[in-house]
Amino acid sequence: MGQRDRGVEDRARQPPGLVLIPRQGAPRLLGRLLLEHLELEELPPFIESASDLMVAAGFRPRPGVAHGWEREGRSIGVTEEVLEDGSRWIATWPTERMDSEAANERVRYLSLASHDLRGALANIRSYAALLLNGRIALEPKVHRGMETILRNADRALSFSQDFFDASRADLNALAFEQEPQALEPLLASAVERQQPAARVAGVVLVLDGHPPLPPVNIDGGRIQHAVEAFVLYQLGRAQAGERILVRAVPGLSGIRIEVQREGKPLSEEEVELVFQREERAFREKKLEDALRIHLALQEVEVHGGRVGVETDTGSTTLFLSLPGTLFQELADPAGLHP
């Protein structure tokens, strides 16, 4: 029914250049600011999307920067919006690259803040765990209180890690180390870690079968975090009794990891918002899930991959695609999905 690939980064913008792409007829510029941003005399022909426009203008995506495009040192931000009648607005704005010294200072500042905050939270968690180890008798009410402290300390530690990682990713400084790793244990661990949350929600969480997979060159921790973020997003919208399936699908150009929820699909509006960090946070009046799934997008993008959402009449699938040529261990290329 629907599919959307998202790369979203919300920023304060200069006045944008605008063009309307109608369902029929020629594109309509609103002023010449868009042409000035792209250093063009006129619009390229046959454009149907923002990516069509940028490629035709000679730009390429900026690695690790959602909505960022570059050409010979020129950096442009681009976004688009699909209107109710199927036409599209495309907006462009110039962006400034932060020089490496300033970026390094920001990263160092974030590291100090992360150390101070996480150190305090870790101490709270350690003392709560110490009191719950059974050596000290606690009244039932006190015991429940300590369990609540421990649970919230874990949640705060996870949220703070996501916040600082996403902030580093905004500066193109997200730490990751790639090495050949097996996907099967990574996916199994992701599913196992979220089984308690699935049981609380009354949802069946399953690692679906897939063909044998060769090692892939990834940062396993980053990809596992992204998969768990997809699972948690789906759990947050699942009804009791539904199923969530996690699977890997090998292809000729890489591997696609899917997290599919069988049940009422997301609406078109919800699909549009999945990876929009700030808009979702303001709408939902909380940041945790919006930040976590936006970080998943950033973690996939630093691998050169992409994320997306697909819906049909009975399910919603969040997916991430990792690029790379697969090896001969897959044996039967004719059976692969492109």
C-alpha atoms as a PDB file:
ATOM      1  CA  MET A   1       0.000   0.000   0.000  1.00  0.00           C
ATOM      2  CA  GLY A   2       2.680   2.460   0.923  1.00  0.00           C
ATOM      3  CA  GLN A   3       6.441   2.816   1.143  1.00  0.00           C
ATOM      4  CA  ARG A   4       8.605   5.658   2.373  1.00  0.00           C
ATOM      5  CA  ASP A   5      12.384   5.960   2.648  1.00  0.00           C
ATOM      6  CA  ARG A   6      13.228   8.566   5.191  1.00  0.00           C
ATOM      7  CA  GLY A   7      16.360  10.557   6.013  1.00  0.00           C
ATOM      8  CA  VAL A   8      15.280  13.327   8.312  1.00  0.00           C
ATOM      9  CA  GLU A   9      17.174  15.978  10.201  1.00  0.00           C
ATOM     10  CA  ASP A  10      15.302  18.940  11.673  1.00  0.00           C
ATOM     11  CA  ARG A  11      17.272  22.178  11.628  1.00  0.00           C
ATOM     12  CA  ALA A  12      16.782  25.904  11.773  1.00  0.00           C
ATOM     13  CA  ARG A  13      16.729  26.992   8.137  1.00  0.00           C
ATOM     14  CA  GLN A  14      17.304  30.095   6.056  1.00  0.00           C
ATOM     15  CA  PRO A  15      14.424  31.173   3.787  1.00  0.00           C
ATOM     16  CA  PRO A  16      13.977  28.165   1.489  1.00  0.00           C
ATOM     17  CA  GLY A  17      13.897  27.926  -2.256  1.00  0.00           C
ATOM     18  CA  LEU A  18      10.619  26.345  -3.320  1.00  0.00           C
ATOM     19  CA  VAL A  19       9.266  24.468  -6.311  1.00  0.00           C
ATOM     20  CA  LEU A  20       5.906  22.729  -6.729  1.00  0.00           C
ATOM     21  CA  ILE A  21       5.871  19.473  -8.708  1.00  0.00           C
ATOM     22  CA  PRO A  22       2.224  18.930  -9.760  1.00  0.00           C
ATOM     23  CA  ARG A  23       0.811  15.531 -10.649  1.00  0.00           C
ATOM     24  CA  GLN A  24       0.466  16.798 -14.192  1.00  0.00           C
ATOM     25  CA  GLY A  25       2.149  19.630 -15.997  1.00  0.00           C
ATOM     26  CA  ALA A  26       5.447  21.450 -15.584  1.00  0.00           C
ATOM     27  CA  PRO A  27       7.098  22.250 -12.234  1.00  0.00           C
ATOM     28  CA  ARG A  28       6.319  25.710 -10.871  1.00  0.00           C
ATOM     29  CA  LEU A  29       9.019  27.764  -9.145  1.00  0.00           C
ATOM     30  CA  LEU A  30       8.167  30.162  -6.325  1.00  0.00           C
ATOM     31  CA  GLY A  31      10.802  32.772  -7.034  1.00  0.00           C
ATOM     32  CA  ARG A  32      14.349  32.013  -8.174  1.00  0.00           C
ATOM     33  CA  LEU A  33      15.880  31.258  -4.784  1.00  0.00           C
ATOM     34  CA  LEU A  34      15.957  27.505  -5.433  1.00  0.00           C
ATOM     35  CA  LEU A  35      17.875  28.048  -8.675  1.00  0.00           C
ATOM     36  CA  GLU A  36      20.343  30.296  -6.839  1.00  0.00           C
ATOM     37  CA  HIS A  37      20.891  27.632  -4.182  1.00  0.00           C
ATOM     38  CA  LEU A  38      21.638  25.027  -6.853  1.00  0.00           C
ATOM     39  CA  GLU A  39      23.488  27.486  -9.128  1.00  0.00           C
ATOM     40  CA  LEU A  40      21.236  26.678 -12.076  1.00  0.00           C
ATOM     41  CA  GLU A  41      19.814  28.823 -14.835  1.00  0.00           C
ATOM     42  CA  GLU A  42      16.635  26.750 -15.119  1.00  0.00           C
ATOM     43  CA  LEU A  43      15.066  23.628 -13.659  1.00  0.00           C
ATOM     44  CA  PRO A  44      16.229  20.283 -15.055  1.00  0.00           C
ATOM     45  CA  PRO A  45      13.537  18.490 -17.096  1.00  0.00           C
ATOM     46  CA  PHE A  46      11.633  15.411 -15.956  1.00  0.00           C
ATOM     47  CA  ILE A  47      12.045  15.839 -12.204  1.00  0.00           C
ATOM     48  CA  GLU A  48       9.548  14.016 -10.008  1.00  0.00           C
ATOM     49  CA  SER A  49      11.210  14.155  -6.588  1.00  0.00           C
ATOM     50  CA  ALA A  50      13.843  15.957  -4.534  1.00  0.00           C
ATOM     51  CA  SER A  51      16.441  13.295  -5.303  1.00  0.00           C
ATOM     52  CA  ASP A  52      15.723  13.631  -9.051  1.00  0.00           C
ATOM     53  CA  LEU A  53      16.341  17.362  -8.774  1.00  0.00           C
ATOM     54  CA  MET A  54      19.576  17.083  -6.811  1.00  0.00           C
ATOM     55  CA  VAL A  55      21.091  14.360  -8.973  1.00  0.00           C
ATOM     56  CA  ALA A  56      20.213  16.285 -12.127  1.00  0.00           C
ATOM     57  CA  ALA A  57      21.894  19.361 -10.623  1.00  0.00           C
ATOM     58  CA  GLY A  58      25.084  17.383 -10.009  1.00  0.00           C
ATOM     59  CA  PHE A  59      24.766  16.972  -6.229  1.00  0.00           C
ATOM     60  CA  ARG A  60      25.318  13.778  -4.243  1.00  0.00           C
ATOM     61  CA  PRO A  61      24.085  12.820  -0.761  1.00  0.00           C
ATOM     62  CA  ARG A  62      26.298  13.832   2.144  1.00  0.00           C
ATOM     63  CA  PRO A  63      27.268  10.640   4.003  1.00  0.00           C
ATOM     64  CA  GLY A  64      25.705  10.449   7.450  1.00  0.00           C
ATOM     65  CA  VAL A  65      23.727  13.709   7.022  1.00  0.00           C
ATOM     66  CA  ALA A  66      20.006  13.299   6.508  1.00  0.00           C
ATOM     67  CA  HIS A  67      18.620  15.699   3.881  1.00  0.00           C
ATOM     68  CA  GLY A  68      22.187  16.859   3.125  1.00  0.00           C
ATOM     69  CA  TRP A  69      23.573  17.068  -0.430  1.00  0.00           C
ATOM     70  CA  GLU A  70      26.918  18.369  -1.686  1.00  0.00           C
ATOM     71  CA  ARG A  71      28.700  19.334  -4.876  1.00  0.00           C
ATOM     72  CA  GLU A  72      32.299  20.554  -5.059  1.00  0.00           C
ATOM     73  CA  GLY A  73      32.305  21.838  -1.483  1.00  0.00           C
ATOM     74  CA  ARG A  74      28.816  23.381  -1.731  1.00  0.00           C
ATOM     75  CA  SER A  75      26.406  22.011   0.871  1.00  0.00           C
ATOM     76  CA  ILE A  76      22.617  22.113   0.409  1.00  0.00           C
ATOM     77  CA  GLY A  77      19.739  20.908   2.562  1.00  0.00           C
ATOM     78  CA  VAL A  78      16.686  19.521   0.763  1.00  0.00           C
ATOM     79  CA  THR A  79      13.292  18.309   1.867  1.00  0.00           C
ATOM     80  CA  GLU A  80      10.002  17.524   0.185  1.00  0.00           C
ATOM     81  CA  GLU A  81       6.368  17.125   1.198  1.00  0.00           C
ATOM     82  CA  VAL A  82       3.692  15.139  -0.596  1.00  0.00           C
ATOM     83  CA  LEU A  83       0.390  17.028  -0.658  1.00  0.00           C
ATOM     84  CA  GLU A  84      -3.091  15.515  -0.517  1.00  0.00           C
ATOM     85  CA  ASP A  85      -3.552  15.697  -4.301  1.00  0.00           C
ATOM     86  CA  GLY A  86      -0.280  13.854  -4.953  1.00  0.00           C
ATOM     87  CA  SER A  87       1.746  16.918  -5.911  1.00  0.00           C
ATOM     88  CA  ARG A  88       5.015  17.703  -4.102  1.00  0.00           C
ATOM     89  CA  TRP A  89       6.661  20.729  -2.565  1.00  0.00           C
ATOM     90  CA  ILE A  90      10.462  20.664  -2.692  1.00  0.00           C
ATOM     91  CA  ALA A  91      12.415  23.085  -0.515  1.00  0.00           C
ATOM     92  CA  THR A  92      16.151  23.831  -0.538  1.00  0.00           C
ATOM     93  CA  TRP A  93      18.371  25.858   1.765  1.00  0.00           C
ATOM     94  CA  PRO A  94      22.138  26.429   1.927  1.00  0.00           C
ATOM     95  CA  THR A  95      23.959  24.904   4.864  1.00  0.00           C
ATOM     96  CA  GLU A  96      27.338  25.671   6.316  1.00  0.00           C
ATOM     97  CA  ARG A  97      29.794  22.923   7.089  1.00  0.00           C
ATOM     98  CA  MET A  98      31.153  23.190  10.609  1.00  0.00           C
ATOM     99  CA  ASP A  99      34.951  23.360  10.472  1.00  0.00           C
ATOM    100  CA  SER A 100      36.755  20.403  11.971  1.00  0.00           C
ATOM    101  CA  GLU A 101      38.137  22.316  14.965  1.00  0.00           C
ATOM    102  CA  ALA A 102      34.703  23.616  15.989  1.00  0.00           C
ATOM    103  CA  ALA A 103      33.160  20.172  15.465  1.00  0.00           C
ATOM    104  CA  ASN A 104      35.867  18.567  17.605  1.00  0.00           C
ATOM    105  CA  GLU A 105      35.189  21.076  20.388  1.00  0.00           C
ATOM    106  CA  ARG A 106      31.483  20.234  20.289  1.00  0.00           C
ATOM    107  CA  VAL A 107      32.226  16.507  20.424  1.00  0.00           C
ATOM    108  CA  ARG A 108      34.545  16.999  23.402  1.00  0.00           C
ATOM    109  CA  TYR A 109      31.864  19.035  25.163  1.00  0.00           C
ATOM    110  CA  LEU A 110      29.304  16.281  24.551  1.00  0.00           C
ATOM    111  CA  SER A 111      31.744  13.699  25.891  1.00  0.00           C
ATOM    112  CA  LEU A 112      32.166  15.651  29.135  1.00  0.00           C
ATOM    113  CA  ALA A 113      28.406  16.018  29.553  1.00  0.00           C
ATOM    114  CA  SER A 114      27.880  12.330  28.799  1.00  0.00           C
ATOM    115  CA  HIS A 115      30.516  11.292  31.338  1.00  0.00           C
ATOM    116  CA  ASP A 116      29.048  13.438  34.112  1.00  0.00           C
ATOM    117  CA  LEU A 117      25.424  12.450  33.520  1.00  0.00           C
ATOM    118  CA  ARG A 118      25.989   8.756  32.913  1.00  0.00           C
ATOM    119  CA  GLY A 119      28.351   8.525  35.897  1.00  0.00           C
ATOM    120  CA  ALA A 120      25.690   9.868  38.236  1.00  0.00           C
ATOM    121  CA  LEU A 121      23.005   7.570  36.794  1.00  0.00           C
ATOM    122  CA  ALA A 122      25.318   4.558  36.979  1.00  0.00           C
ATOM    123  CA  ASN A 123      25.924   5.228  40.690  1.00  0.00           C
ATOM    124  CA  ILE A 124      22.177   5.373  41.348  1.00  0.00           C
ATOM    125  CA  ARG A 125      21.710   2.103  39.480  1.00  0.00           C
ATOM    126  CA  SER A 126      24.581   0.388  41.303  1.00  0.00           C
ATOM    127  CA  TYR A 127      23.274   1.245  44.765  1.00  0.00           C
ATOM    128  CA  ALA A 128      19.723   0.217  43.826  1.00  0.00           C
ATOM    129  CA  ALA A 129      21.013  -3.131  42.530  1.00  0.00           C
ATOM    130  CA  LEU A 130      23.091  -3.564  45.698  1.00  0.00           C
ATOM    131  CA  LEU A 131      20.033  -3.109  47.902  1.00  0.00           C
ATOM    132  CA  LEU A 132      18.062  -5.584  45.781  1.00  0.00           C
ATOM    133  CA  ASN A 133      20.642  -8.387  45.851  1.00  0.00           C
ATOM    134  CA  GLY A 134      18.884 -10.140  48.749  1.00  0.00           C
ATOM    135  CA  ARG A 135      21.519  -9.620  51.407  1.00  0.00           C
ATOM    136  CA  ILE A 136      19.509  -6.841  53.030  1.00  0.00           C
ATOM    137  CA  ALA A 137      15.919  -7.509  54.058  1.00  0.00           C
ATOM    138  CA  LEU A 138      13.589  -4.901  52.628  1.00  0.00           C
ATOM    139  CA  GLU A 139       9.954  -4.258  53.388  1.00  0.00           C
ATOM    140  CA  PRO A 140       7.746  -5.026  50.360  1.00  0.00           C
ATOM    141  CA  LYS A 141       6.990  -1.348  49.735  1.00  0.00           C
ATOM    142  CA  VAL A 142      10.684  -0.445  49.902  1.00  0.00           C
ATOM    143  CA  HIS A 143      11.546  -3.370  47.610  1.00  0.00           C
ATOM    144  CA  ARG A 144       9.033  -2.168  44.992  1.00  0.00           C
ATOM    145  CA  GLY A 145      10.426   1.327  45.298  1.00  0.00           C
ATOM    146  CA  MET A 146      13.992   0.105  44.690  1.00  0.00           C
ATOM    147  CA  GLU A 147      12.830  -1.901  41.673  1.00  0.00           C
ATOM    148  CA  THR A 148      11.263   1.275  40.285  1.00  0.00           C
ATOM    149  CA  ILE A 149      14.500   3.203  40.857  1.00  0.00           C
ATOM    150  CA  LEU A 150      16.506   0.485  39.112  1.00  0.00           C
ATOM    151  CA  ARG A 151      14.098   0.330  36.186  1.00  0.00           C
ATOM    152  CA  ASN A 152      14.094   4.096  35.699  1.00  0.00           C
ATOM    153  CA  ALA A 153      17.887   4.315  36.045  1.00  0.00           C
ATOM    154  CA  ASP A 154      18.241   1.764  33.236  1.00  0.00           C
ATOM    155  CA  ARG A 155      15.783   3.714  31.101  1.00  0.00           C
ATOM    156  CA  ALA A 156      17.575   7.010  31.781  1.00  0.00           C
ATOM    157  CA  LEU A 157      20.966   5.471  30.945  1.00  0.00           C
ATOM    158  CA  SER A 158      19.619   4.146  27.661  1.00  0.00           C
ATOM    159  CA  PHE A 159      17.975   7.466  26.786  1.00  0.00           C
ATOM    160  CA  SER A 160      21.087   9.492  27.632  1.00  0.00           C
ATOM    161  CA  GLN A 161      23.236   7.189  25.486  1.00  0.00           C
ATOM    162  CA  ASP A 162      20.851   7.661  22.561  1.00  0.00           C
ATOM    163  CA  PHE A 163      20.767  11.425  23.080  1.00  0.00           C
ATOM    164  CA  PHE A 164      24.541  11.844  23.074  1.00  0.00           C
ATOM    165  CA  ASP A 165      25.029   9.404  20.187  1.00  0.00           C
ATOM    166  CA  ALA A 166      22.436  11.265  18.098  1.00  0.00           C
ATOM    167  CA  SER A 167      24.093  14.580  18.963  1.00  0.00           C
ATOM    168  CA  ARG A 168      27.454  13.209  17.831  1.00  0.00           C
ATOM    169  CA  ALA A 169      25.848  11.908  14.643  1.00  0.00           C
ATOM    170  CA  ASP A 170      24.529  15.417  13.965  1.00  0.00           C
ATOM    171  CA  LEU A 171      28.200  16.488  13.970  1.00  0.00           C
ATOM    172  CA  ASN A 172      29.232  13.588  11.702  1.00  0.00           C
ATOM    173  CA  ALA A 173      31.151  12.162  14.662  1.00  0.00           C
ATOM    174  CA  LEU A 174      29.178   9.037  15.517  1.00  0.00           C
ATOM    175  CA  ALA A 175      31.652   6.396  16.669  1.00  0.00           C
ATOM    176  CA  PHE A 176      31.420   3.084  14.838  1.00  0.00           C
ATOM    177  CA  GLU A 177      33.843   0.333  13.906  1.00  0.00           C
ATOM    178  CA  GLN A 178      33.095  -2.068  11.082  1.00  0.00           C
ATOM    179  CA  GLU A 179      34.277  -5.651  10.981  1.00  0.00           C
ATOM    180  CA  PRO A 180      32.962  -8.881   9.430  1.00  0.00           C
ATOM    181  CA  GLN A 181      30.245 -10.195  11.726  1.00  0.00           C
ATOM    182  CA  ALA A 182      27.541 -12.843  11.596  1.00  0.00           C
ATOM    183  CA  LEU A 183      24.008 -11.423  11.536  1.00  0.00           C
ATOM    184  CA  GLU A 184      22.189 -14.411  13.030  1.00  0.00           C
ATOM    185  CA  PRO A 185      23.443 -14.043  16.636  1.00  0.00           C
ATOM    186  CA  LEU A 186      23.017 -10.269  16.434  1.00  0.00           C
ATOM    187  CA  LEU A 187      19.348 -10.574  15.430  1.00  0.00           C
ATOM    188  CA  ALA A 188      18.759 -13.332  17.972  1.00  0.00           C
ATOM    189  CA  SER A 189      20.195 -11.129  20.720  1.00  0.00           C
ATOM    190  CA  ALA A 190      18.036  -8.177  19.644  1.00  0.00           C
ATOM    191  CA  VAL A 191      14.894 -10.315  19.798  1.00  0.00           C
ATOM    192  CA  GLU A 192      15.837 -11.894  23.129  1.00  0.00           C
ATOM    193  CA  ARG A 193      16.510  -8.512  24.752  1.00  0.00           C
ATOM    194  CA  GLN A 194      13.046  -7.252  23.836  1.00  0.00           C
ATOM    195  CA  GLN A 195      11.113 -10.389  24.816  1.00  0.00           C
ATOM    196  CA  PRO A 196      10.212  -9.012  28.286  1.00  0.00           C
ATOM    197  CA  ALA A 197       8.705  -5.885  26.704  1.00  0.00           C
ATOM    198  CA  ALA A 198       6.818  -8.067  24.208  1.00  0.00           C
ATOM    199  CA  ARG A 199       5.387 -10.230  26.991  1.00  0.00           C
ATOM    200  CA  VAL A 200       4.201  -7.146  28.881  1.00  0.00           C
ATOM    201  CA  ALA A 201       2.461  -5.937  25.705  1.00  0.00           C
ATOM    202  CA  GLY A 202       0.923  -9.374  25.069  1.00  0.00           C
ATOM    203  CA  VAL A 203       2.689  -9.520  21.687  1.00  0.00           C
ATOM    204  CA  VAL A 204       4.442 -12.491  20.079  1.00  0.00           C
ATOM    205  CA  LEU A 205       7.972 -11.486  19.024  1.00  0.00           C
ATOM    206  CA  VAL A 206       9.584 -13.981  16.617  1.00  0.00           C
ATOM    207  CA  LEU A 207      12.917 -14.282  14.848  1.00  0.00           C
ATOM    208  CA  ASP A 208      11.722 -15.462  11.441  1.00  0.00           C
ATOM    209  CA  GLY A 209      13.643 -18.049   9.444  1.00  0.00           C
ATOM    210  CA  HIS A 210      15.947 -16.953   6.639  1.00  0.00           C
ATOM    211  CA  PRO A 211      18.570 -18.485   4.320  1.00  0.00           C
ATOM    212  CA  PRO A 212      22.104 -18.889   5.698  1.00  0.00           C
ATOM    213  CA  LEU A 213      23.856 -15.524   5.696  1.00  0.00           C
ATOM    214  CA  PRO A 214      27.522 -14.742   5.112  1.00  0.00           C
ATOM    215  CA  PRO A 215      29.383 -12.345   7.417  1.00  0.00           C
ATOM    216  CA  VAL A 216      28.656  -8.673   6.790  1.00  0.00           C
ATOM    217  CA  ASN A 217      31.009  -5.756   7.387  1.00  0.00           C
ATOM    218  CA  ILE A 218      29.184  -3.768  10.076  1.00  0.00           C
ATOM    219  CA  ASP A 219      29.365  -2.289  13.533  1.00  0.00           C
ATOM    220  CA  GLY A 220      27.304  -4.980  15.219  1.00  0.00           C
ATOM    221  CA  GLY A 221      26.341  -2.846  18.197  1.00  0.00           C
ATOM    222  CA  ARG A 222      25.003  -0.076  15.970  1.00  0.00           C
ATOM    223  CA  ILE A 223      22.960  -2.396  13.778  1.00  0.00           C
ATOM    224  CA  GLN A 224      21.582  -4.297  16.780  1.00  0.00           C
ATOM    225  CA  HIS A 225      20.532  -0.978  18.345  1.00  0.00           C
ATOM    226  CA  ALA A 226      18.757  -0.032  15.113  1.00  0.00           C
ATOM    227  CA  VAL A 227      16.913  -3.366  14.976  1.00  0.00           C
ATOM    228  CA  GLU A 228      15.854  -3.052  18.631  1.00  0.00           C
ATOM    229  CA  ALA A 229      14.677   0.507  17.967  1.00  0.00           C
ATOM    230  CA  PHE A 230      12.451  -0.837  15.169  1.00  0.00           C
ATOM    231  CA  VAL A 231      11.109  -3.567  17.464  1.00  0.00           C
ATOM    232  CA  LEU A 232      10.325  -1.051  20.226  1.00  0.00           C
ATOM    233  CA  TYR A 233       8.586   1.252  17.741  1.00  0.00           C
ATOM    234  CA  GLN A 234       6.395  -1.629  16.580  1.00  0.00           C
ATOM    235  CA  LEU A 235       5.701  -2.751  20.166  1.00  0.00           C
ATOM    236  CA  GLY A 236       4.544   0.756  21.014  1.00  0.00           C
ATOM    237  CA  ARG A 237       1.826   0.474  18.357  1.00  0.00           C
ATOM    238  CA  ALA A 238       0.931  -3.211  18.648  1.00  0.00           C
ATOM    239  CA  GLN A 239      -2.296  -4.595  20.057  1.00  0.00           C
ATOM    240  CA  ALA A 240      -2.314  -7.631  22.358  1.00  0.00           C
ATOM    241  CA  GLY A 241      -2.247 -10.836  20.345  1.00  0.00           C
ATOM    242  CA  GLU A 242      -0.422  -9.389  17.336  1.00  0.00           C
ATOM    243  CA  ARG A 243       2.884 -10.755  16.028  1.00  0.00           C
ATOM    244  CA  ILE A 244       6.144  -8.970  15.274  1.00  0.00           C
ATOM    245  CA  LEU A 245       8.534 -10.793  12.960  1.00  0.00           C
ATOM    246  CA  VAL A 246      12.250 -10.005  12.629  1.00  0.00           C
ATOM    247  CA  ARG A 247      13.969 -11.361   9.537  1.00  0.00           C
ATOM    248  CA  ALA A 248      16.962 -10.825   7.251  1.00  0.00           C
ATOM    249  CA  VAL A 249      16.507 -10.983   3.484  1.00  0.00           C
ATOM    250  CA  PRO A 250      19.707 -11.425   1.419  1.00  0.00           C
ATOM    251  CA  GLY A 251      19.910  -9.787  -1.994  1.00  0.00           C
ATOM    252  CA  LEU A 252      22.354  -9.242  -4.811  1.00  0.00           C
ATOM    253  CA  SER A 253      23.295  -5.774  -3.536  1.00  0.00           C
ATOM    254  CA  GLY A 254      23.275  -6.381   0.210  1.00  0.00           C
ATOM    255  CA  ILE A 255      21.041  -7.448   3.057  1.00  0.00           C
ATOM    256  CA  ARG A 256      17.689  -6.066   4.133  1.00  0.00           C
ATOM    257  CA  ILE A 257      16.578  -6.502   7.754  1.00  0.00           C
ATOM    258  CA  GLU A 258      12.822  -6.280   8.325  1.00  0.00           C
ATOM    259  CA  VAL A 259      10.747  -5.811  11.464  1.00  0.00           C
ATOM    260  CA  GLN A 260       7.153  -6.557  10.471  1.00  0.00           C
ATOM    261  CA  ARG A 261       4.087  -6.072  12.674  1.00  0.00           C
ATOM    262  CA  GLU A 262       1.039  -8.065  11.641  1.00  0.00           C
ATOM    263  CA  GLY A 263      -1.988  -5.934  12.435  1.00  0.00           C
ATOM    264  CA  LYS A 264      -3.620  -2.627  11.591  1.00  0.00           C
ATOM    265  CA  PRO A 265      -1.149  -0.759   9.360  1.00  0.00           C
ATOM    266  CA  LEU A 266       0.138   2.744   9.975  1.00  0.00           C
ATOM    267  CA  SER A 267      -1.725   5.569   8.282  1.00  0.00           C
ATOM    268  CA  GLU A 268      -0.027   7.602   5.552  1.00  0.00           C
ATOM    269  CA  GLU A 269       0.489  10.420   8.061  1.00  0.00           C
ATOM    270  CA  GLU A 270       2.078   8.063  10.572  1.00  0.00           C
ATOM    271  CA  VAL A 271       4.375   6.648   7.880  1.00  0.00           C
ATOM    272  CA  GLU A 272       5.528  10.175   7.063  1.00  0.00           C
ATOM    273  CA  LEU A 273       6.372  10.850  10.708  1.00  0.00           C
ATOM    274  CA  VAL A 274       8.215   7.658  11.678  1.00  0.00           C
ATOM    275  CA  PHE A 275      11.760   9.055  11.422  1.00  0.00           C
ATOM    276  CA  GLN A 276      10.979  12.737  12.056  1.00  0.00           C
ATOM    277  CA  ARG A 277      12.619  13.333  15.402  1.00  0.00           C
ATOM    278  CA  GLU A 278      11.487  16.815  16.371  1.00  0.00           C
ATOM    279  CA  GLU A 279       8.011  16.823  14.851  1.00  0.00           C
ATOM    280  CA  ARG A 280       7.149  13.533  16.534  1.00  0.00           C
ATOM    281  CA  ALA A 281       8.571  14.718  19.850  1.00  0.00           C
ATOM    282  CA  PHE A 282       6.438  17.856  19.802  1.00  0.00           C
ATOM    283  CA  ARG A 283       3.309  15.983  18.710  1.00  0.00           C
ATOM    284  CA  GLU A 284       3.729  13.142  21.192  1.00  0.00           C
ATOM    285  CA  LYS A 285       5.113  15.388  23.961  1.00  0.00           C
ATOM    286  CA  LYS A 286       7.969  12.974  24.587  1.00  0.00           C
ATOM    287  CA  LEU A 287      11.300  12.396  22.924  1.00  0.00           C
ATOM    288  CA  GLU A 288      12.440   8.887  23.854  1.00  0.00           C
ATOM    289  CA  ASP A 289      11.045   6.808  20.976  1.00  0.00           C
ATOM    290  CA  ALA A 290      11.400   9.565  18.366  1.00  0.00           C
ATOM    291  CA  LEU A 291      15.056  10.041  19.318  1.00  0.00           C
ATOM    292  CA  ARG A 292      15.789   6.308  19.413  1.00  0.00           C
ATOM    293  CA  ILE A 293      14.410   5.586  15.955  1.00  0.00           C
ATOM    294  CA  HIS A 294      16.037   8.686  14.460  1.00  0.00           C
ATOM    295  CA  LEU A 295      19.355   7.466  15.862  1.00  0.00           C
ATOM    296  CA  ALA A 296      18.648   4.129  14.155  1.00  0.00           C
ATOM    297  CA  LEU A 297      18.383   6.030  10.871  1.00  0.00           C
ATOM    298  CA  GLN A 298      21.726   7.722  11.571  1.00  0.00           C
ATOM    299  CA  GLU A 299      23.367   4.413  12.497  1.00  0.00           C
ATOM    300  CA  VAL A 300      22.266   2.845   9.221  1.00  0.00           C
ATOM    301  CA  GLU A 301      23.301   5.875   7.184  1.00  0.00           C
ATOM    302  CA  VAL A 302      26.897   5.807   8.471  1.00  0.00           C
ATOM    303  CA  HIS A 303      27.052   2.296   6.992  1.00  0.00           C
ATOM    304  CA  GLY A 304      25.922   3.700   3.642  1.00  0.00           C
ATOM    305  CA  GLY A 305      22.506   2.075   4.060  1.00  0.00           C
ATOM    306  CA  ARG A 306      18.952   3.336   4.153  1.00  0.00           C
ATOM    307  CA  VAL A 307      15.791   2.855   6.168  1.00  0.00           C
ATOM    308  CA  GLY A 308      12.153   2.807   5.198  1.00  0.00           C
ATOM    309  CA  VAL A 309       8.566   1.928   5.988  1.00  0.00           C
ATOM    310  CA  GLU A 310       6.190  -0.259   3.980  1.00  0.00           C
ATOM    311  CA  THR A 311       2.518  -0.949   4.629  1.00  0.00           C
ATOM    312  CA  ASP A 312      -0.111  -3.263   3.199  1.00  0.00           C
ATOM    313  CA  THR A 313      -3.648  -4.102   4.265  1.00  0.00           C
ATOM    314  CA  GLY A 314      -2.546  -6.244   7.205  1.00  0.00           C
ATOM    315  CA  SER A 315       0.930  -5.198   8.286  1.00  0.00           C
ATOM    316  CA  THR A 316       3.560  -2.510   8.711  1.00  0.00           C
ATOM    317  CA  THR A 317       7.231  -3.228   8.015  1.00  0.00           C
ATOM    318  CA  LEU A 318      10.164  -1.119   9.113  1.00  0.00           C
ATOM    319  CA  PHE A 319      13.309  -2.075   7.240  1.00  0.00           C
ATOM    320  CA  LEU A 320      16.956  -1.207   6.946  1.00  0.00           C
ATOM    321  CA  SER A 321      19.113  -2.072   3.949  1.00  0.00           C
ATOM    322  CA  LEU A 322      22.851  -2.590   4.258  1.00  0.00           C
ATOM    323  CA  PRO A 323      24.866  -2.272   1.049  1.00  0.00           C
ATOM    324  CA  GLY A 324      27.588  -4.610  -0.133  1.00  0.00           C
ATOM    325  CA  THR A 325      28.151  -7.544  -2.402  1.00  0.00           C
ATOM    326  CA  LEU A 326      27.323 -10.876  -0.802  1.00  0.00           C
ATOM    327  CA  PHE A 327      29.680 -13.787  -1.124  1.00  0.00           C
ATOM    328  CA  GLN A 328      29.461 -17.177  -2.733  1.00  0.00           C
ATOM    329  CA  GLU A 329      28.295 -18.758   0.525  1.00  0.00           C
ATOM    330  CA  LEU A 330      24.793 -17.866  -0.647  1.00  0.00           C
ATOM    331  CA  ALA A 331      25.247 -20.506  -3.347  1.00  0.00           C
ATOM    332  CA  ASP A 332      22.152 -19.910  -5.478  1.00  0.00           C
ATOM    333  CA  PRO A 333      22.021 -16.363  -6.915  1.00  0.00           C
ATOM    334  CA  ALA A 334      18.836 -17.216  -8.809  1.00  0.00           C
ATOM    335  CA  GLY A 335      17.004 -17.527  -5.521  1.00  0.00           C
ATOM    336  CA  LEU A 336      18.021 -14.113  -4.199  1.00  0.00           C
ATOM    337  CA  HIS A 337      15.738 -11.131  -3.949  1.00  0.00           C
ATOM    338  CA  PRO A 338      17.046  -7.989  -5.695  1.00  0.00           C
END
